[in-house]
Amino acid sequence: MGRTRARDTEHPQARLDHGGVARIVPSAFTSGFELIVDDTPQSHVDLDDPTHLHFEYVVRMGAVIDQLPPGPLTAVHLGAGALTLPRYVEATRPGSRQQVIELEAPLAALVREHLPLPRGAAIRVRIGDARAGVHKLPPALTGTCDLVISDVYSGAQTPAHLTSVEFYRELRALLKPAGVLLVNVADGPGLAFARRQAATIAEVLPEVGVLADTQVLKGRRFGNLVIAASASPLPTDWLPRMLAAGPHPAKIAQGAEVLSFIQGARVVTDSDATASPRPDDSLFLR
C-alpha cells in the first residue's frame, strides 16, 4: 500500500505465513524506520519519538485519539503493523491497557525484535484472525474500551469479512458508551466502497465522521479515509482547525455531510461483503 521499494537483503526481514516478505528499513523520508511488506510501506515508527506519526491517515487517527478525555485508555487494535498507534497511545496516555490482534506471527516477532516496545508498556499482542480474535479477548473488555481501531490488510486489501455490519456490531460491543471506533478505509475515484463502509458503520454507531484529504474525500483520487464513529457525540471540537492546518490539509465530514456522503449506499452484510479495492502506488502519502 504505497510507494514501491527495490528489493534488498541487507535489512531485517521475515517470510510471512500467508505469503510475502516483511522488512524493516530506515525511512528514506524522515527519521525512524518503515515496515515494508512486499516492497510497499505498511508502517512507520520512530523509536526516539513515538509521537512522530508520519503517514497522513495515521496522523488523522492520532488527532482523534488526542480528543478523547484525558488519562489512560483501554484500547483494542486490529492489525499490528509496526505497532505505531499502540506506541503513540502509550507515549501520550501512560498507563493505558492495550490489546493488539495480528494475523502474522512472523511479522509480530520481527517487529518485537528489531523495533522493541517501550519497557513496561501494557501492550498485549495476540496472534490470529482479527474477527476471530475479538471473540477471544478477555470478557472483562466488553463494554469498557475507550478506543477500537480496525486497520487490517491482507496484501493490499481489507478482507471482506472485516467490512460487514455483523463485524462492526462485534466491535461496538467492546466500546463503552462514549468509546470511539476508528477504521482505515482505502478507496479510489467514486468512493463506492468507502460510502458503503460509512453507511454500514452508521448503522451500528450513529455518530460518524469521515476524515480525509479533501481531494480523496471528493473522490478524485485513491487514498485513505478514516471513519470515526461512536454511540455518543464525537469529541471533535478542535479537530477541523487541526486538520485544516496541515501539513497536508484535510477535513472532517460530519452531520449533514456524512448523510449526503452515504446517501443511497447499501449496508454491507456478511452475505454480500467484498474486499476493499486494490490501491495504486499513491495510497500512503507523505
Protein backbone atom coordinates (compact mmCIF):
# COMPACT_ATOMS: atom_id res chain seq x y z
CA MET A 1 0.00 0.00 0.00
CA GLY A 2 2.20 2.83 -1.16
CA ARG A 3 5.44 3.62 -2.92
CA THR A 4 7.33 0.52 -4.02
CA ARG A 5 10.90 -0.09 -2.99
CA ALA A 6 13.70 -2.05 -4.53
CA ARG A 7 14.20 -5.46 -3.01
CA ASP A 8 17.12 -5.89 -0.69
CA THR A 9 18.53 -8.45 1.72
CA GLU A 10 20.52 -6.07 3.90
CA HIS A 11 17.78 -5.31 6.42
CA PRO A 12 15.92 -7.46 8.97
CA GLN A 13 13.24 -9.49 7.27
CA ALA A 14 10.81 -12.35 7.76
CA ARG A 15 8.90 -14.67 5.46
CA LEU A 16 5.20 -14.38 6.28
CA ASP A 17 2.96 -17.39 6.85
CA HIS A 18 0.41 -16.23 4.28
CA GLY A 19 2.95 -15.26 1.63
CA GLY A 20 5.26 -12.32 1.06
CA VAL A 21 8.23 -10.89 2.90
CA ALA A 22 8.30 -8.23 5.61
CA ARG A 23 11.34 -5.97 6.02
CA ILE A 24 12.32 -3.21 8.40
CA VAL A 25 14.33 -0.42 6.73
CA PRO A 26 15.41 3.09 7.71
CA SER A 27 12.93 5.65 6.41
CA ALA A 28 14.04 7.36 3.23
CA PHE A 29 11.83 10.36 4.03
CA THR A 30 12.23 11.15 7.71
CA SER A 31 13.66 9.81 10.97
CA GLY A 32 12.78 6.32 12.13
CA PHE A 33 12.01 3.09 10.30
CA GLU A 34 9.43 1.68 7.95
CA LEU A 35 7.93 -1.77 7.89
CA ILE A 36 7.82 -2.87 4.25
CA VAL A 37 5.71 -5.82 3.14
CA ASP A 38 6.21 -7.00 -0.44
CA ASP A 39 8.09 -3.78 -1.23
CA THR A 40 5.35 -1.41 -0.09
CA PRO A 41 5.33 0.62 3.15
CA GLN A 42 2.96 -0.60 5.85
CA SER A 43 4.02 1.33 8.95
CA HIS A 44 6.41 3.99 10.16
CA VAL A 45 7.94 4.02 13.65
CA ASP A 46 10.32 6.49 15.28
CA LEU A 47 11.76 4.76 18.35
CA ASP A 48 13.20 8.03 19.64
CA ASP A 49 9.83 9.79 19.36
CA PRO A 50 6.74 7.54 19.35
CA THR A 51 4.55 10.64 18.93
CA HIS A 52 6.05 11.18 15.46
CA LEU A 53 3.31 9.92 13.15
CA HIS A 54 4.46 10.05 9.54
CA PHE A 55 1.72 8.53 7.37
CA GLU A 56 -1.10 11.03 6.88
CA TYR A 57 -4.01 8.77 7.76
CA VAL A 58 -2.22 7.74 10.97
CA VAL A 59 -1.76 11.41 11.83
CA ARG A 60 -5.54 11.82 11.49
CA MET A 61 -6.18 8.84 13.74
CA GLY A 62 -3.79 10.34 16.28
CA ALA A 63 -5.67 13.63 16.11
CA VAL A 64 -8.91 11.87 17.04
CA ILE A 65 -7.22 9.96 19.85
CA ASP A 66 -5.95 13.27 21.22
CA GLN A 67 -9.56 14.47 21.50
CA LEU A 68 -10.53 11.65 23.88
CA PRO A 69 -10.84 12.50 27.59
CA PRO A 70 -7.51 12.84 29.46
CA GLY A 71 -5.87 9.87 31.10
CA PRO A 72 -5.04 6.24 30.28
CA LEU A 73 -7.10 4.44 27.65
CA THR A 74 -8.36 0.91 27.25
CA ALA A 75 -7.77 0.15 23.57
CA VAL A 76 -8.05 -2.72 21.09
CA HIS A 77 -6.09 -2.58 17.81
CA LEU A 78 -6.95 -4.90 14.92
CA GLY A 79 -3.88 -5.14 12.72
CA ALA A 80 -0.49 -4.60 14.30
CA GLY A 81 1.88 -3.43 11.59
CA ALA A 82 4.85 -1.99 13.45
CA LEU A 83 2.61 -1.06 16.43
CA THR A 84 2.70 2.64 15.57
CA LEU A 85 -0.55 3.64 17.26
CA PRO A 86 -0.13 1.41 20.34
CA ARG A 87 3.24 3.14 20.86
CA TYR A 88 1.58 6.52 20.37
CA VAL A 89 -1.12 5.76 22.93
CA GLU A 90 1.48 4.50 25.40
CA ALA A 91 3.55 7.68 24.94
CA THR A 92 0.66 10.13 25.18
CA ARG A 93 -1.51 8.19 27.67
CA PRO A 94 0.85 6.43 30.11
CA GLY A 95 -0.80 3.59 31.96
CA SER A 96 -3.07 2.64 29.05
CA ARG A 97 -4.08 -1.01 28.65
CA GLN A 98 -3.90 -2.19 25.04
CA GLN A 99 -4.68 -5.38 23.17
CA VAL A 100 -3.41 -5.95 19.61
CA ILE A 101 -4.55 -8.71 17.24
CA GLU A 102 -2.20 -9.55 14.36
CA LEU A 103 -2.59 -12.39 11.86
CA GLU A 104 1.09 -12.89 11.06
CA ALA A 105 3.24 -14.32 13.86
CA PRO A 106 6.50 -13.83 11.88
CA LEU A 107 5.68 -10.14 11.38
CA ALA A 108 4.95 -9.63 15.07
CA ALA A 109 8.20 -11.37 16.00
CA LEU A 110 10.20 -9.29 13.51
CA VAL A 111 8.80 -6.06 14.92
CA ARG A 112 9.33 -7.08 18.54
CA GLU A 113 12.96 -7.98 17.89
CA HIS A 114 14.02 -5.02 15.78
CA LEU A 115 11.57 -2.30 16.87
CA PRO A 116 11.12 -3.21 20.54
CA LEU A 117 8.24 -1.81 22.55
CA PRO A 118 8.92 0.59 25.43
CA ARG A 119 9.80 -1.24 28.62
CA GLY A 120 6.79 -1.65 30.87
CA ALA A 121 4.23 -0.87 28.16
CA ALA A 122 0.95 -2.72 28.79
CA ILE A 123 0.57 -3.83 25.16
CA ARG A 124 -0.51 -7.44 24.65
CA VAL A 125 -0.07 -8.81 21.11
CA ARG A 126 -2.30 -11.75 20.19
CA ILE A 127 -1.84 -13.80 17.02
CA GLY A 128 -4.83 -14.72 14.90
CA ASP A 129 -7.54 -13.50 12.55
CA ALA A 130 -8.89 -10.13 13.65
CA ARG A 131 -12.55 -11.12 13.75
CA ALA A 132 -11.96 -14.46 15.44
CA GLY A 133 -9.55 -12.76 17.83
CA VAL A 134 -12.20 -10.31 19.02
CA HIS A 135 -14.15 -13.27 20.41
CA LYS A 136 -11.07 -14.47 22.28
CA LEU A 137 -10.41 -11.20 24.08
CA PRO A 138 -10.90 -11.17 27.87
CA PRO A 139 -14.64 -10.89 28.66
CA ALA A 140 -13.85 -8.01 31.01
CA LEU A 141 -13.11 -5.84 27.96
CA THR A 142 -16.73 -5.96 26.78
CA GLY A 143 -18.26 -2.51 27.10
CA THR A 144 -15.10 -1.00 28.61
CA CYS A 145 -12.97 0.15 25.64
CA ASP A 146 -12.31 3.83 25.05
CA LEU A 147 -10.88 3.09 21.62
CA VAL A 148 -11.08 0.35 18.99
CA ILE A 149 -9.03 0.65 15.80
CA SER A 150 -9.54 -1.52 12.71
CA ASP A 151 -6.65 -1.22 10.25
CA VAL A 152 -6.30 -4.67 8.73
CA TYR A 153 -4.93 -5.53 5.31
CA SER A 154 -4.28 -8.86 3.66
CA GLY A 155 -1.81 -7.96 0.99
CA ALA A 156 -3.17 -4.67 -0.30
CA GLN A 157 -6.84 -5.15 0.61
CA THR A 158 -9.05 -5.25 3.68
CA PRO A 159 -10.57 -8.75 3.87
CA ALA A 160 -14.27 -8.92 3.13
CA HIS A 161 -15.23 -10.43 6.50
CA LEU A 162 -13.90 -7.30 8.24
CA THR A 163 -16.25 -4.93 6.40
CA SER A 164 -19.75 -6.11 7.35
CA VAL A 165 -22.41 -4.80 9.71
CA GLU A 166 -22.16 -8.04 11.69
CA PHE A 167 -18.42 -7.39 12.22
CA TYR A 168 -18.97 -3.80 13.31
CA ARG A 169 -21.62 -4.93 15.79
CA GLU A 170 -18.97 -7.14 17.34
CA LEU A 171 -16.65 -4.14 17.67
CA ARG A 172 -19.43 -1.96 19.09
CA ALA A 173 -19.86 -4.48 21.91
CA LEU A 174 -16.30 -3.70 23.05
CA LEU A 175 -16.89 0.04 23.35
CA LYS A 176 -18.06 1.95 26.38
CA PRO A 177 -20.93 4.39 25.67
CA ALA A 178 -18.54 7.22 24.75
CA GLY A 179 -15.93 4.95 23.19
CA VAL A 180 -14.68 5.64 19.66
CA LEU A 181 -14.17 3.30 16.71
CA LEU A 182 -11.56 4.26 14.09
CA VAL A 183 -11.49 2.44 10.75
CA ASN A 184 -8.93 2.91 7.98
CA VAL A 185 -10.62 2.65 4.59
CA ALA A 186 -8.77 2.82 1.27
CA ASP A 187 -10.73 3.66 -1.86
CA GLY A 188 -10.48 5.35 -5.22
CA PRO A 189 -12.50 7.64 -7.51
CA GLY A 190 -16.21 7.46 -6.83
CA LEU A 191 -15.65 6.11 -3.29
CA ALA A 192 -18.26 3.36 -3.71
CA PHE A 193 -16.54 1.13 -1.16
CA ALA A 194 -15.95 3.93 1.36
CA ARG A 195 -19.56 5.12 1.11
CA ARG A 196 -20.83 1.62 1.85
CA GLN A 197 -18.42 1.33 4.77
CA ALA A 198 -19.58 4.64 6.22
CA ALA A 199 -23.22 3.62 5.79
CA THR A 200 -22.52 0.25 7.42
CA ILE A 201 -20.75 1.77 10.41
CA ALA A 202 -23.51 4.39 10.79
CA GLU A 203 -25.99 1.52 11.06
CA VAL A 204 -24.15 0.43 14.21
CA LEU A 205 -22.82 3.68 15.69
CA PRO A 206 -24.92 6.75 14.86
CA GLU A 207 -22.28 9.46 15.36
CA VAL A 208 -19.97 9.29 12.34
CA GLY A 209 -17.18 11.48 10.99
CA VAL A 210 -15.08 10.91 7.86
CA LEU A 211 -11.54 12.34 7.85
CA ALA A 212 -9.53 12.59 4.64
CA ASP A 213 -7.53 14.73 2.29
CA THR A 214 -10.03 16.99 0.55
CA GLN A 215 -9.29 15.55 -2.90
CA VAL A 216 -9.74 12.00 -1.62
CA LEU A 217 -12.98 12.93 0.14
CA LYS A 218 -14.27 14.33 -3.14
CA GLY A 219 -13.50 11.01 -4.82
CA ARG A 220 -10.89 12.46 -7.16
CA ARG A 221 -8.06 10.07 -6.37
CA PHE A 222 -7.17 6.94 -4.45
CA GLY A 223 -6.33 7.39 -0.80
CA ASN A 224 -7.13 6.70 2.82
CA LEU A 225 -10.25 7.80 4.63
CA VAL A 226 -10.52 7.45 8.40
CA ILE A 227 -14.03 6.75 9.64
CA ALA A 228 -14.56 7.72 13.28
CA ALA A 229 -17.75 6.57 14.98
CA SER A 230 -19.34 6.44 18.41
CA ALA A 231 -22.66 5.94 20.14
CA SER A 232 -22.11 9.40 21.68
CA PRO A 233 -21.23 12.72 20.00
CA LEU A 234 -17.68 12.60 18.73
CA PRO A 235 -15.17 14.76 20.63
CA THR A 236 -14.12 16.85 17.63
CA ASP A 237 -14.29 20.48 18.84
CA TRP A 238 -10.74 21.33 17.77
CA LEU A 239 -10.35 18.75 15.04
CA PRO A 240 -11.43 20.78 11.97
CA ARG A 241 -8.88 23.51 12.71
CA MET A 242 -6.12 20.95 13.32
CA LEU A 243 -6.85 19.10 10.09
CA ALA A 244 -7.03 22.27 8.01
CA ALA A 245 -3.66 23.41 9.34
CA GLY A 246 -1.83 20.62 7.57
CA PRO A 247 0.99 19.99 6.84
CA HIS A 248 -1.31 18.28 4.33
CA PRO A 249 -4.71 19.96 4.66
CA ALA A 250 -7.63 17.66 5.28
CA LYS A 251 -11.15 17.93 6.61
CA ILE A 252 -13.69 16.04 8.65
CA ALA A 253 -17.17 15.48 7.25
CA GLN A 254 -19.90 15.27 9.89
CA GLY A 255 -23.65 15.58 10.23
CA ALA A 256 -25.37 16.55 7.00
CA GLU A 257 -22.16 15.98 5.02
CA VAL A 258 -21.99 12.38 6.18
CA LEU A 259 -25.67 11.86 5.39
CA SER A 260 -25.02 13.17 1.88
CA PHE A 261 -21.87 11.02 1.60
CA ILE A 262 -23.73 7.78 2.40
CA GLN A 263 -26.99 8.57 0.62
CA GLY A 264 -28.02 5.58 -1.49
CA ALA A 265 -25.17 3.37 -0.20
CA ARG A 266 -26.24 -0.12 0.84
CA VAL A 267 -25.23 -1.54 4.22
CA VAL A 268 -22.68 -4.36 3.85
CA THR A 269 -23.64 -7.74 5.30
CA ASP A 270 -21.68 -10.96 5.67
CA SER A 271 -23.62 -12.34 2.71
CA ASP A 272 -22.51 -9.67 0.24
CA ALA A 273 -19.24 -8.32 1.71
CA THR A 274 -16.29 -7.77 -0.63
CA ALA A 275 -12.66 -6.91 -0.05
CA SER A 276 -11.58 -3.30 -0.44
CA PRO A 277 -10.35 -2.13 -3.88
CA ARG A 278 -6.73 -2.67 -4.75
CA PRO A 279 -4.74 0.53 -4.15
CA ASP A 280 -2.45 2.28 -6.55
CA ASP A 281 1.04 3.45 -5.69
CA SER A 282 -0.10 6.69 -4.04
CA LEU A 283 -2.02 5.16 -1.14
CA PHE A 284 0.49 6.09 1.57
CA LEU A 285 1.01 9.81 1.25
CA ARG A 286 3.84 11.72 2.77
